[in-house]
PDB file of N, CA and C in Angstrom:
ATOM      1  N   MET A   1      -4.229  13.564  30.402  1.00  0.00           N
ATOM      2  CA  MET A   1      -3.520  14.037  29.229  1.00  0.00           C
ATOM      3  C   MET A   1      -3.583  15.559  29.182  1.00  0.00           C
ATOM      4  N   THR A   2      -2.489  16.114  28.745  1.00  0.00           N
ATOM      5  CA  THR A   2      -2.452  17.563  28.573  1.00  0.00           C
ATOM      6  C   THR A   2      -3.107  17.935  27.243  1.00  0.00           C
ATOM      7  N   THR A   3      -3.413  19.203  27.098  1.00  0.00           N
ATOM      8  CA  THR A   3      -3.999  19.689  25.852  1.00  0.00           C
ATOM      9  C   THR A   3      -3.057  19.433  24.680  1.00  0.00           C
ATOM     10  N   ALA A   4      -1.762  19.641  24.887  1.00  0.00           N
ATOM     11  CA  ALA A   4      -0.777  19.406  23.824  1.00  0.00           C
ATOM     12  C   ALA A   4      -0.743  17.929  23.435  1.00  0.00           C
ATOM     13  N   GLU A   5      -0.818  17.046  24.412  1.00  0.00           N
ATOM     14  CA  GLU A   5      -0.814  15.607  24.122  1.00  0.00           C
ATOM     15  C   GLU A   5      -2.069  15.194  23.353  1.00  0.00           C
ATOM     16  N   ILE A   6      -3.190  15.789  23.722  1.00  0.00           N
ATOM     17  CA  ILE A   6      -4.441  15.490  23.024  1.00  0.00           C
ATOM     18  C   ILE A   6      -4.358  15.951  21.575  1.00  0.00           C
ATOM     19  N   ARG A   7      -3.823  17.150  21.355  1.00  0.00           N
ATOM     20  CA  ARG A   7      -3.676  17.655  19.979  1.00  0.00           C
ATOM     21  C   ARG A   7      -2.739  16.764  19.162  1.00  0.00           C
ATOM     22  N   GLU A   8      -1.665  16.321  19.788  1.00  0.00           N
ATOM     23  CA  GLU A   8      -0.724  15.435  19.092  1.00  0.00           C
ATOM     24  C   GLU A   8      -1.393  14.109  18.742  1.00  0.00           C
ATOM     25  N   LEU A   9      -2.160  13.575  19.679  1.00  0.00           N
ATOM     26  CA  LEU A   9      -2.883  12.328  19.439  1.00  0.00           C
ATOM     27  C   LEU A   9      -3.894  12.502  18.308  1.00  0.00           C
ATOM     28  N   GLU A  10      -4.595  13.622  18.295  1.00  0.00           N
ATOM     29  CA  GLU A  10      -5.563  13.889  17.233  1.00  0.00           C
ATOM     30  C   GLU A  10      -4.880  13.990  15.871  1.00  0.00           C
ATOM     31  N   ALA A  11      -3.733  14.649  15.830  1.00  0.00           N
ATOM     32  CA  ALA A  11      -2.986  14.768  14.572  1.00  0.00           C
ATOM     33  C   ALA A  11      -2.518  13.396  14.098  1.00  0.00           C
ATOM     34  N   SER A  12      -2.031  12.582  15.023  1.00  0.00           N
ATOM     35  CA  SER A  12      -1.588  11.232  14.669  1.00  0.00           C
ATOM     36  C   SER A  12      -2.758  10.379  14.187  1.00  0.00           C
ATOM     37  N   ALA A  13      -3.908  10.533  14.839  1.00  0.00           N
ATOM     38  CA  ALA A  13      -5.096   9.776  14.434  1.00  0.00           C
ATOM     39  C   ALA A  13      -5.537  10.180  13.030  1.00  0.00           C
ATOM     40  N   ALA A  14      -5.436  11.464  12.719  1.00  0.00           N
ATOM     41  CA  ALA A  14      -5.808  11.933  11.381  1.00  0.00           C
ATOM     42  C   ALA A  14      -4.871  11.352  10.326  1.00  0.00           C
ATOM     43  N   GLU A  15      -3.571  11.325  10.611  1.00  0.00           N
ATOM     44  CA  GLU A  15      -2.601  10.741   9.676  1.00  0.00           C
ATOM     45  C   GLU A  15      -2.865   9.255   9.473  1.00  0.00           C
ATOM     46  N   ALA A  16      -3.091   8.548  10.582  1.00  0.00           N
ATOM     47  CA  ALA A  16      -3.351   7.110  10.503  1.00  0.00           C
ATOM     48  C   ALA A  16      -4.628   6.838   9.718  1.00  0.00           C
ATOM     49  N   SER A  17      -5.642   7.662   9.929  1.00  0.00           N
ATOM     50  CA  SER A  17      -6.908   7.498   9.226  1.00  0.00           C
ATOM     51  C   SER A  17      -6.730   7.677   7.720  1.00  0.00           C
ATOM     52  N   GLN A  18      -5.925   8.654   7.316  1.00  0.00           N
ATOM     53  CA  GLN A  18      -5.653   8.854   5.887  1.00  0.00           C
ATOM     54  C   GLN A  18      -4.946   7.644   5.290  1.00  0.00           C
ATOM     55  N   LEU A  19      -3.939   7.146   5.989  1.00  0.00           N
ATOM     56  CA  LEU A  19      -3.191   5.984   5.506  1.00  0.00           C
ATOM     57  C   LEU A  19      -4.102   4.769   5.397  1.00  0.00           C
ATOM     58  N   LEU A  20      -4.872   4.518   6.440  1.00  0.00           N
ATOM     59  CA  LEU A  20      -5.759   3.356   6.424  1.00  0.00           C
ATOM     60  C   LEU A  20      -6.851   3.494   5.372  1.00  0.00           C
ATOM     61  N   GLY A  21      -7.285   4.724   5.113  1.00  0.00           N
ATOM     62  CA  GLY A  21      -8.271   4.955   4.058  1.00  0.00           C
ATOM     63  C   GLY A  21      -7.728   4.555   2.696  1.00  0.00           C
ATOM     64  N   ALA A  22      -6.477   4.904   2.434  1.00  0.00           N
ATOM     65  CA  ALA A  22      -5.850   4.523   1.162  1.00  0.00           C
ATOM     66  C   ALA A  22      -5.698   3.013   1.068  1.00  0.00           C
ATOM     67  N   LEU A  23      -5.397   2.368   2.185  1.00  0.00           N
ATOM     68  CA  LEU A  23      -5.204   0.917   2.199  1.00  0.00           C
ATOM     69  C   LEU A  23      -6.524   0.150   2.200  1.00  0.00           C
ATOM     70  N   ALA A  24      -7.620   0.832   2.500  1.00  0.00           N
ATOM     71  CA  ALA A  24      -8.917   0.164   2.611  1.00  0.00           C
ATOM     72  C   ALA A  24      -9.448  -0.318   1.264  1.00  0.00           C
ATOM     73  N   ASN A  25      -8.928   0.211   0.175  1.00  0.00           N
ATOM     74  CA  ASN A  25      -9.337  -0.238  -1.149  1.00  0.00           C
ATOM     75  C   ASN A  25      -8.517  -1.466  -1.535  1.00  0.00           C
ATOM     76  N   GLU A  26      -9.198  -2.532  -1.910  1.00  0.00           N
ATOM     77  CA  GLU A  26      -8.525  -3.801  -2.214  1.00  0.00           C
ATOM     78  C   GLU A  26      -7.475  -3.666  -3.313  1.00  0.00           C
ATOM     79  N   ARG A  27      -7.787  -2.928  -4.369  1.00  0.00           N
ATOM     80  CA  ARG A  27      -6.831  -2.773  -5.477  1.00  0.00           C
ATOM     81  C   ARG A  27      -5.593  -2.004  -5.035  1.00  0.00           C
ATOM     82  N   ARG A  28      -5.786  -0.920  -4.273  1.00  0.00           N
ATOM     83  CA  ARG A  28      -4.628  -0.149  -3.803  1.00  0.00           C
ATOM     84  C   ARG A  28      -3.784  -0.978  -2.840  1.00  0.00           C
ATOM     85  N   LEU A  29      -4.438  -1.765  -2.013  1.00  0.00           N
ATOM     86  CA  LEU A  29      -3.701  -2.638  -1.100  1.00  0.00           C
ATOM     87  C   LEU A  29      -2.873  -3.648  -1.891  1.00  0.00           C
ATOM     88  N   LEU A  30      -3.449  -4.218  -2.931  1.00  0.00           N
ATOM     89  CA  LEU A  30      -2.712  -5.170  -3.767  1.00  0.00           C
ATOM     90  C   LEU A  30      -1.530  -4.511  -4.468  1.00  0.00           C
ATOM     91  N   ILE A  31      -1.731  -3.287  -4.949  1.00  0.00           N
ATOM     92  CA  ILE A  31      -0.627  -2.562  -5.586  1.00  0.00           C
ATOM     93  C   ILE A  31       0.523  -2.425  -4.602  1.00  0.00           C
ATOM     94  N   LEU A  32       0.215  -1.987  -3.388  1.00  0.00           N
ATOM     95  CA  LEU A  32       1.267  -1.791  -2.386  1.00  0.00           C
ATOM     96  C   LEU A  32       1.922  -3.112  -2.001  1.00  0.00           C
ATOM     97  N   CYS A  33       1.139  -4.175  -1.939  1.00  0.00           N
ATOM     98  CA  CYS A  33       1.720  -5.492  -1.639  1.00  0.00           C
ATOM     99  C   CYS A  33       2.721  -5.897  -2.719  1.00  0.00           C
ATOM    100  N   HIS A  34       2.376  -5.652  -3.969  1.00  0.00           N
ATOM    101  CA  HIS A  34       3.262  -6.036  -5.073  1.00  0.00           C
ATOM    102  C   HIS A  34       4.544  -5.215  -5.100  1.00  0.00           C
ATOM    103  N   ILE A  35       4.452  -3.927  -4.788  1.00  0.00           N
ATOM    104  CA  ILE A  35       5.649  -3.084  -4.885  1.00  0.00           C
ATOM    105  C   ILE A  35       6.386  -2.955  -3.560  1.00  0.00           C
ATOM    106  N   ALA A  36       5.888  -3.607  -2.515  1.00  0.00           N
ATOM    107  CA  ALA A  36       6.565  -3.530  -1.214  1.00  0.00           C
ATOM    108  C   ALA A  36       7.944  -4.167  -1.273  1.00  0.00           C
ATOM    109  N   GLY A  37       8.089  -5.202  -2.074  1.00  0.00           N
ATOM    110  CA  GLY A  37       9.357  -5.908  -2.138  1.00  0.00           C
ATOM    111  C   GLY A  37      10.258  -5.480  -3.272  1.00  0.00           C
ATOM    112  N   GLU A  38       9.663  -4.874  -4.304  1.00  0.00           N
ATOM    113  CA  GLU A  38      10.469  -4.490  -5.461  1.00  0.00           C
ATOM    114  C   GLU A  38       9.770  -3.402  -6.257  1.00  0.00           C
ATOM    115  N   GLU A  39      10.558  -2.618  -6.915  1.00  0.00           N
ATOM    116  CA  GLU A  39      10.051  -1.592  -7.815  1.00  0.00           C
ATOM    117  C   GLU A  39       9.444  -2.276  -9.037  1.00  0.00           C
ATOM    118  N   MET A  40       8.312  -1.751  -9.509  1.00  0.00           N
ATOM    119  CA  MET A  40       7.641  -2.357 -10.662  1.00  0.00           C
ATOM    120  C   MET A  40       7.155  -1.283 -11.613  1.00  0.00           C
ATOM    121  N   SER A  41       7.121  -1.634 -12.894  1.00  0.00           N
ATOM    122  CA  SER A  41       6.589  -0.716 -13.899  1.00  0.00           C
ATOM    123  C   SER A  41       5.063  -0.758 -13.862  1.00  0.00           C
ATOM    124  N   VAL A  42       4.464   0.273 -14.442  1.00  0.00           N
ATOM    125  CA  VAL A  42       3.007   0.325 -14.527  1.00  0.00           C
ATOM    126  C   VAL A  42       2.490  -0.905 -15.272  1.00  0.00           C
ATOM    127  N   GLY A  43       3.151  -1.290 -16.348  1.00  0.00           N
ATOM    128  CA  GLY A  43       2.738  -2.463 -17.115  1.00  0.00           C
ATOM    129  C   GLY A  43       2.791  -3.746 -16.299  1.00  0.00           C
ATOM    130  N   GLU A  44       3.829  -3.886 -15.483  1.00  0.00           N
ATOM    131  CA  GLU A  44       3.942  -5.080 -14.632  1.00  0.00           C
ATOM    132  C   GLU A  44       2.820  -5.116 -13.600  1.00  0.00           C
ATOM    133  N   ILE A  45       2.541  -3.974 -13.000  1.00  0.00           N
ATOM    134  CA  ILE A  45       1.468  -3.902 -12.004  1.00  0.00           C
ATOM    135  C   ILE A  45       0.133  -4.219 -12.665  1.00  0.00           C
ATOM    136  N   GLN A  46      -0.103  -3.641 -13.832  1.00  0.00           N
ATOM    137  CA  GLN A  46      -1.353  -3.865 -14.556  1.00  0.00           C
ATOM    138  C   GLN A  46      -1.525  -5.342 -14.889  1.00  0.00           C
ATOM    139  N   SER A  47      -0.467  -5.982 -15.314  1.00  0.00           N
ATOM    140  CA  SER A  47      -0.519  -7.402 -15.653  1.00  0.00           C
ATOM    141  C   SER A  47      -0.866  -8.252 -14.430  1.00  0.00           C
ATOM    142  N   LEU A  48      -0.281  -7.928 -13.298  1.00  0.00           N
ATOM    143  CA  LEU A  48      -0.546  -8.690 -12.075  1.00  0.00           C
ATOM    144  C   LEU A  48      -1.974  -8.511 -11.578  1.00  0.00           C
ATOM    145  N   LEU A  49      -2.496  -7.285 -11.681  1.00  0.00           N
ATOM    146  CA  LEU A  49      -3.832  -7.008 -11.157  1.00  0.00           C
ATOM    147  C   LEU A  49      -4.940  -7.334 -12.144  1.00  0.00           C
ATOM    148  N   GLY A  50      -4.608  -7.313 -13.439  1.00  0.00           N
ATOM    149  CA  GLY A  50      -5.620  -7.597 -14.443  1.00  0.00           C
ATOM    150  C   GLY A  50      -6.701  -6.527 -14.534  1.00  0.00           C
ATOM    151  N   ILE A  51      -6.332  -5.267 -14.321  1.00  0.00           N
ATOM    152  CA  ILE A  51      -7.293  -4.173 -14.445  1.00  0.00           C
ATOM    153  C   ILE A  51      -6.849  -3.241 -15.568  1.00  0.00           C
ATOM    154  N   GLY A  52      -7.766  -2.411 -16.020  1.00  0.00           N
ATOM    155  CA  GLY A  52      -7.468  -1.482 -17.098  1.00  0.00           C
ATOM    156  C   GLY A  52      -6.491  -0.400 -16.674  1.00  0.00           C
ATOM    157  N   GLN A  53      -5.841   0.187 -17.667  1.00  0.00           N
ATOM    158  CA  GLN A  53      -4.838   1.208 -17.383  1.00  0.00           C
ATOM    159  C   GLN A  53      -5.461   2.438 -16.732  1.00  0.00           C
ATOM    160  N   SER A  54      -6.671   2.797 -17.131  1.00  0.00           N
ATOM    161  CA  SER A  54      -7.340   3.963 -16.560  1.00  0.00           C
ATOM    162  C   SER A  54      -7.603   3.765 -15.067  1.00  0.00           C
ATOM    163  N   ALA A  55      -8.140   2.607 -14.711  1.00  0.00           N
ATOM    164  CA  ALA A  55      -8.411   2.311 -13.299  1.00  0.00           C
ATOM    165  C   ALA A  55      -7.114   2.276 -12.500  1.00  0.00           C
ATOM    166  N   LEU A  56      -6.089   1.653 -13.065  1.00  0.00           N
ATOM    167  CA  LEU A  56      -4.801   1.583 -12.383  1.00  0.00           C
ATOM    168  C   LEU A  56      -4.231   2.979 -12.174  1.00  0.00           C
ATOM    169  N   SER A  57      -4.324   3.820 -13.184  1.00  0.00           N
ATOM    170  CA  SER A  57      -3.810   5.185 -13.073  1.00  0.00           C
ATOM    171  C   SER A  57      -4.506   5.951 -11.957  1.00  0.00           C
ATOM    172  N   GLN A  58      -5.809   5.744 -11.821  1.00  0.00           N
ATOM    173  CA  GLN A  58      -6.546   6.416 -10.748  1.00  0.00           C
ATOM    174  C   GLN A  58      -6.075   5.941  -9.377  1.00  0.00           C
ATOM    175  N   HIS A  59      -5.878   4.644  -9.228  1.00  0.00           N
ATOM    176  CA  HIS A  59      -5.396   4.113  -7.947  1.00  0.00           C
ATOM    177  C   HIS A  59      -3.985   4.621  -7.644  1.00  0.00           C
ATOM    178  N   LEU A  60      -3.127   4.623  -8.645  1.00  0.00           N
ATOM    179  CA  LEU A  60      -1.759   5.107  -8.445  1.00  0.00           C
ATOM    180  C   LEU A  60      -1.743   6.591  -8.103  1.00  0.00           C
ATOM    181  N   ALA A  61      -2.663   7.359  -8.678  1.00  0.00           N
ATOM    182  CA  ALA A  61      -2.752   8.789  -8.361  1.00  0.00           C
ATOM    183  C   ALA A  61      -3.101   8.995  -6.891  1.00  0.00           C
ATOM    184  N   VAL A  62      -4.032   8.210  -6.379  1.00  0.00           N
ATOM    185  CA  VAL A  62      -4.394   8.302  -4.958  1.00  0.00           C
ATOM    186  C   VAL A  62      -3.182   7.973  -4.094  1.00  0.00           C
ATOM    187  N   LEU A  63      -2.472   6.919  -4.442  1.00  0.00           N
ATOM    188  CA  LEU A  63      -1.296   6.513  -3.665  1.00  0.00           C
ATOM    189  C   LEU A  63      -0.192   7.568  -3.729  1.00  0.00           C
ATOM    190  N   ARG A  64      -0.027   8.207  -4.879  1.00  0.00           N
ATOM    191  CA  ARG A  64       0.963   9.297  -5.003  1.00  0.00           C
ATOM    192  C   ARG A  64       0.557  10.490  -4.154  1.00  0.00           C
ATOM    193  N   GLU A  65      -0.718  10.872  -4.230  1.00  0.00           N
ATOM    194  CA  GLU A  65      -1.218  12.011  -3.456  1.00  0.00           C
ATOM    195  C   GLU A  65      -1.033  11.800  -1.960  1.00  0.00           C
ATOM    196  N   GLN A  66      -1.152  10.564  -1.518  1.00  0.00           N
ATOM    197  CA  GLN A  66      -0.983  10.237  -0.102  1.00  0.00           C
ATOM    198  C   GLN A  66       0.490  10.104   0.283  1.00  0.00           C
ATOM    199  N   GLY A  67       1.373  10.156  -0.689  1.00  0.00           N
ATOM    200  CA  GLY A  67       2.800  10.023  -0.415  1.00  0.00           C
ATOM    201  C   GLY A  67       3.232   8.597  -0.122  1.00  0.00           C
ATOM    202  N   LEU A  68       2.424   7.638  -0.561  1.00  0.00           N
ATOM    203  CA  LEU A  68       2.718   6.236  -0.269  1.00  0.00           C
ATOM    204  C   LEU A  68       3.646   5.596  -1.289  1.00  0.00           C
ATOM    205  N   VAL A  69       3.682   6.161  -2.493  1.00  0.00           N
ATOM    206  CA  VAL A  69       4.546   5.622  -3.539  1.00  0.00           C
ATOM    207  C   VAL A  69       5.416   6.726  -4.123  1.00  0.00           C
ATOM    208  N   ALA A  70       6.527   6.309  -4.687  1.00  0.00           N
ATOM    209  CA  ALA A  70       7.418   7.215  -5.410  1.00  0.00           C
ATOM    210  C   ALA A  70       7.613   6.635  -6.803  1.00  0.00           C
ATOM    211  N   THR A  71       7.973   7.499  -7.737  1.00  0.00           N
ATOM    212  CA  THR A  71       8.133   7.059  -9.119  1.00  0.00           C
ATOM    213  C   THR A  71       9.529   7.357  -9.635  1.00  0.00           C
ATOM    214  N   ARG A  72       9.859   6.620 -10.672  1.00  0.00           N
ATOM    215  CA  ARG A  72      11.107   6.826 -11.396  1.00  0.00           C
ATOM    216  C   ARG A  72      10.798   6.554 -12.858  1.00  0.00           C
ATOM    217  N   ARG A  73      11.207   7.476 -13.709  1.00  0.00           N
ATOM    218  CA  ARG A  73      10.942   7.323 -15.140  1.00  0.00           C
ATOM    219  C   ARG A  73      12.222   6.927 -15.862  1.00  0.00           C
ATOM    220  N   VAL A  74      12.100   5.917 -16.711  1.00  0.00           N
ATOM    221  CA  VAL A  74      13.179   5.522 -17.610  1.00  0.00           C
ATOM    222  C   VAL A  74      12.575   5.523 -19.003  1.00  0.00           C
ATOM    223  N   SER A  75      12.942   6.518 -19.784  1.00  0.00           N
ATOM    224  CA  SER A  75      12.394   6.686 -21.122  1.00  0.00           C
ATOM    225  C   SER A  75      10.874   6.808 -21.027  1.00  0.00           C
ATOM    226  N   GLN A  76      10.138   5.882 -21.606  1.00  0.00           N
ATOM    227  CA  GLN A  76       8.670   5.921 -21.585  1.00  0.00           C
ATOM    228  C   GLN A  76       8.071   5.156 -20.403  1.00  0.00           C
ATOM    229  N   THR A  77       8.890   4.459 -19.646  1.00  0.00           N
ATOM    230  CA  THR A  77       8.398   3.579 -18.590  1.00  0.00           C
ATOM    231  C   THR A  77       8.488   4.253 -17.230  1.00  0.00           C
ATOM    232  N   ILE A  78       7.389   4.170 -16.466  1.00  0.00           N
ATOM    233  CA  ILE A  78       7.364   4.707 -15.109  1.00  0.00           C
ATOM    234  C   ILE A  78       7.382   3.533 -14.141  1.00  0.00           C
ATOM    235  N   TYR A  79       8.293   3.598 -13.194  1.00  0.00           N
ATOM    236  CA  TYR A  79       8.426   2.572 -12.167  1.00  0.00           C
ATOM    237  C   TYR A  79       7.919   3.121 -10.839  1.00  0.00           C
ATOM    238  N   TYR A  80       7.235   2.258 -10.091  1.00  0.00           N
ATOM    239  CA  TYR A  80       6.704   2.632  -8.782  1.00  0.00           C
ATOM    240  C   TYR A  80       7.380   1.812  -7.696  1.00  0.00           C
ATOM    241  N   ARG A  81       7.565   2.453  -6.561  1.00  0.00           N
ATOM    242  CA  ARG A  81       8.088   1.765  -5.376  1.00  0.00           C
ATOM    243  C   ARG A  81       7.374   2.320  -4.158  1.00  0.00           C
ATOM    244  N   LEU A  82       7.324   1.540  -3.118  1.00  0.00           N
ATOM    245  CA  LEU A  82       6.719   1.964  -1.861  1.00  0.00           C
ATOM    246  C   LEU A  82       7.614   3.018  -1.228  1.00  0.00           C
ATOM    247  N   ALA A  83       7.039   4.149  -0.832  1.00  0.00           N
ATOM    248  CA  ALA A  83       7.831   5.264  -0.322  1.00  0.00           C
ATOM    249  C   ALA A  83       7.524   5.599   1.131  1.00  0.00           C
ATOM    250  N   SER A  84       6.569   4.939   1.716  1.00  0.00           N
ATOM    251  CA  SER A  84       6.144   5.250   3.078  1.00  0.00           C
ATOM    252  C   SER A  84       6.591   4.157   4.042  1.00  0.00           C
ATOM    253  N   PRO A  85       7.452   4.501   5.006  1.00  0.00           N
ATOM    254  CA  PRO A  85       7.856   3.500   5.997  1.00  0.00           C
ATOM    255  C   PRO A  85       6.668   2.982   6.808  1.00  0.00           C
ATOM    256  N   GLU A  86       5.696   3.853   7.057  1.00  0.00           N
ATOM    257  CA  GLU A  86       4.510   3.430   7.808  1.00  0.00           C
ATOM    258  C   GLU A  86       3.709   2.405   7.010  1.00  0.00           C
ATOM    259  N   ALA A  87       3.514   2.687   5.729  1.00  0.00           N
ATOM    260  CA  ALA A  87       2.794   1.735   4.876  1.00  0.00           C
ATOM    261  C   ALA A  87       3.569   0.422   4.763  1.00  0.00           C
ATOM    262  N   GLN A  88       4.890   0.510   4.671  1.00  0.00           N
ATOM    263  CA  GLN A  88       5.726  -0.697   4.595  1.00  0.00           C
ATOM    264  C   GLN A  88       5.506  -1.579   5.821  1.00  0.00           C
ATOM    265  N   ARG A  89       5.477  -0.970   6.997  1.00  0.00           N
ATOM    266  CA  ARG A  89       5.264  -1.744   8.231  1.00  0.00           C
ATOM    267  C   ARG A  89       3.891  -2.398   8.249  1.00  0.00           C
ATOM    268  N   ILE A  90       2.882  -1.652   7.799  1.00  0.00           N
ATOM    269  CA  ILE A  90       1.529  -2.212   7.776  1.00  0.00           C
ATOM    270  C   ILE A  90       1.440  -3.358   6.771  1.00  0.00           C
ATOM    271  N   ILE A  91       2.012  -3.178   5.594  1.00  0.00           N
ATOM    272  CA  ILE A  91       2.001  -4.238   4.570  1.00  0.00           C
ATOM    273  C   ILE A  91       2.702  -5.485   5.102  1.00  0.00           C
ATOM    274  N   GLU A  92       3.843  -5.308   5.761  1.00  0.00           N
ATOM    275  CA  GLU A  92       4.568  -6.453   6.330  1.00  0.00           C
ATOM    276  C   GLU A  92       3.731  -7.161   7.386  1.00  0.00           C
ATOM    277  N   THR A  93       3.046  -6.393   8.225  1.00  0.00           N
ATOM    278  CA  THR A  93       2.198  -6.987   9.259  1.00  0.00           C
ATOM    279  C   THR A  93       1.041  -7.753   8.629  1.00  0.00           C
ATOM    280  N   LEU A  94       0.399  -7.157   7.633  1.00  0.00           N
ATOM    281  CA  LEU A  94      -0.695  -7.846   6.942  1.00  0.00           C
ATOM    282  C   LEU A  94      -0.202  -9.119   6.260  1.00  0.00           C
ATOM    283  N   ALA A  95       0.979  -9.065   5.672  1.00  0.00           N
ATOM    284  CA  ALA A  95       1.549 -10.258   5.030  1.00  0.00           C
ATOM    285  C   ALA A  95       1.801 -11.352   6.062  1.00  0.00           C
ATOM    286  N   ASP A  96       2.300 -10.976   7.228  1.00  0.00           N
ATOM    287  CA  ASP A  96       2.530 -11.961   8.289  1.00  0.00           C
ATOM    288  C   ASP A  96       1.230 -12.639   8.712  1.00  0.00           C
ATOM    289  N   ILE A  97       0.151 -11.872   8.735  1.00  0.00           N
ATOM    290  CA  ILE A  97      -1.131 -12.407   9.189  1.00  0.00           C
ATOM    291  C   ILE A  97      -1.848 -13.187   8.087  1.00  0.00           C
ATOM    292  N   TYR A  98      -1.897 -12.630   6.874  1.00  0.00           N
ATOM    293  CA  TYR A  98      -2.759 -13.173   5.826  1.00  0.00           C
ATOM    294  C   TYR A  98      -2.058 -13.942   4.718  1.00  0.00           C
ATOM    295  N   CYS A  99      -0.758 -13.859   4.629  1.00  0.00           N
ATOM    296  CA  CYS A  99      -0.030 -14.540   3.552  1.00  0.00           C
ATOM    297  C   CYS A  99       0.879 -15.604   4.147  1.00  0.00           C
ATOM    298  N   PRO A 100       0.417 -16.858   4.163  1.00  0.00           N
ATOM    299  CA  PRO A 100       1.225 -17.915   4.768  1.00  0.00           C
ATOM    300  C   PRO A 100       2.492 -18.167   3.966  1.00  0.00           C
ATOM    301  N   PRO A 101       3.532 -18.638   4.638  1.00  0.00           N
ATOM    302  CA  PRO A 101       4.756 -19.004   3.910  1.00  0.00           C
ATOM    303  C   PRO A 101       4.439 -20.076   2.875  1.00  0.00           C
ATOM    304  N   ALA A 102       5.245 -20.152   1.842  1.00  0.00           N
ATOM    305  CA  ALA A 102       5.044 -21.141   0.775  1.00  0.00           C
ATOM    306  C   ALA A 102       4.959 -22.540   1.364  1.00  0.00           C
ATOM    307  N   GLY A 103       3.993 -23.293   0.892  1.00  0.00           N
ATOM    308  CA  GLY A 103       3.857 -24.673   1.339  1.00  0.00           C
ATOM    309  C   GLY A 103       2.902 -24.854   2.501  1.00  0.00           C
ATOM    310  N   LYS A 104       2.427 -23.747   3.094  1.00  0.00           N
ATOM    311  CA  LYS A 104       1.477 -23.867   4.198  1.00  0.00           C
ATOM    312  C   LYS A 104       0.112 -23.400   3.722  1.00  0.00           C
ATOM    313  N   ALA A 105      -0.901 -24.170   4.041  1.00  0.00           N
ATOM    314  CA  ALA A 105      -2.256 -23.818   3.620  1.00  0.00           C
ATOM    315  C   ALA A 105      -2.926 -22.957   4.674  1.00  0.00           C
ATOM    316  N   GLY A 106      -3.947 -22.243   4.238  1.00  0.00           N
ATOM    317  CA  GLY A 106      -4.737 -21.450   5.175  1.00  0.00           C
ATOM    318  C   GLY A 106      -4.127 -20.097   5.443  1.00  0.00           C
ATOM    319  N   ARG A 107      -4.875 -19.293   6.197  1.00  0.00           N
ATOM    320  CA  ARG A 107      -4.419 -17.961   6.575  1.00  0.00           C
ATOM    321  C   ARG A 107      -4.262 -17.923   8.082  1.00  0.00           C
ATOM    322  N   LYS A 108      -3.188 -17.322   8.537  1.00  0.00           N
ATOM    323  CA  LYS A 108      -2.966 -17.208   9.972  1.00  0.00           C
ATOM    324  C   LYS A 108      -4.095 -16.447  10.648  1.00  0.00           C
ATOM    325  N   GLY A 109      -4.554 -15.384   9.991  1.00  0.00           N
ATOM    326  CA  GLY A 109      -5.548 -14.522  10.601  1.00  0.00           C
ATOM    327  C   GLY A 109      -6.973 -15.032  10.476  1.00  0.00           C
ATOM    328  N   LYS A 110      -7.173 -16.122   9.757  1.00  0.00           N
ATOM    329  CA  LYS A 110      -8.514 -16.643   9.538  1.00  0.00           C
ATOM    330  C   LYS A 110      -9.017 -17.334  10.794  1.00  0.00           C
ATOM    331  N   ARG A 111     -10.215 -16.967  11.171  1.00  0.00           N
ATOM    332  CA  ARG A 111     -10.807 -17.582  12.362  1.00  0.00           C
ATOM    333  C   ARG A 111     -11.801 -18.638  11.931  1.00  0.00           C
ATOM    334  N   THR A 112     -11.791 -19.730  12.653  1.00  0.00           N
ATOM    335  CA  THR A 112     -12.724 -20.806  12.311  1.00  0.00           C
ATOM    336  C   THR A 112     -13.637 -21.093  13.454  1.00  0.00           C
TER     337      THR A 112
END
């Protein structure tokens, strides 16, 4: 590998590490799973996760800082959507592995 290739690989590894760090938190991963398919309001996300607004706001702030989500405001309501194509691909891959199609029991990725 050339020095330039090594630097590029290091930069890519740093980006991937940041993304995976954001996804490593179970609550943030669940937020991204919920909004991967559709835009949702803060209230809808809070209802699905069953966590307090303060905790949710902190998780959403991390996701915004990482550029993983985008927002849209309508009057008093803020809507979130997945904004990162890289995160979208990872969420889809995780869903393929861990979220079986309706009617099938078990997890594909579960080892027995």
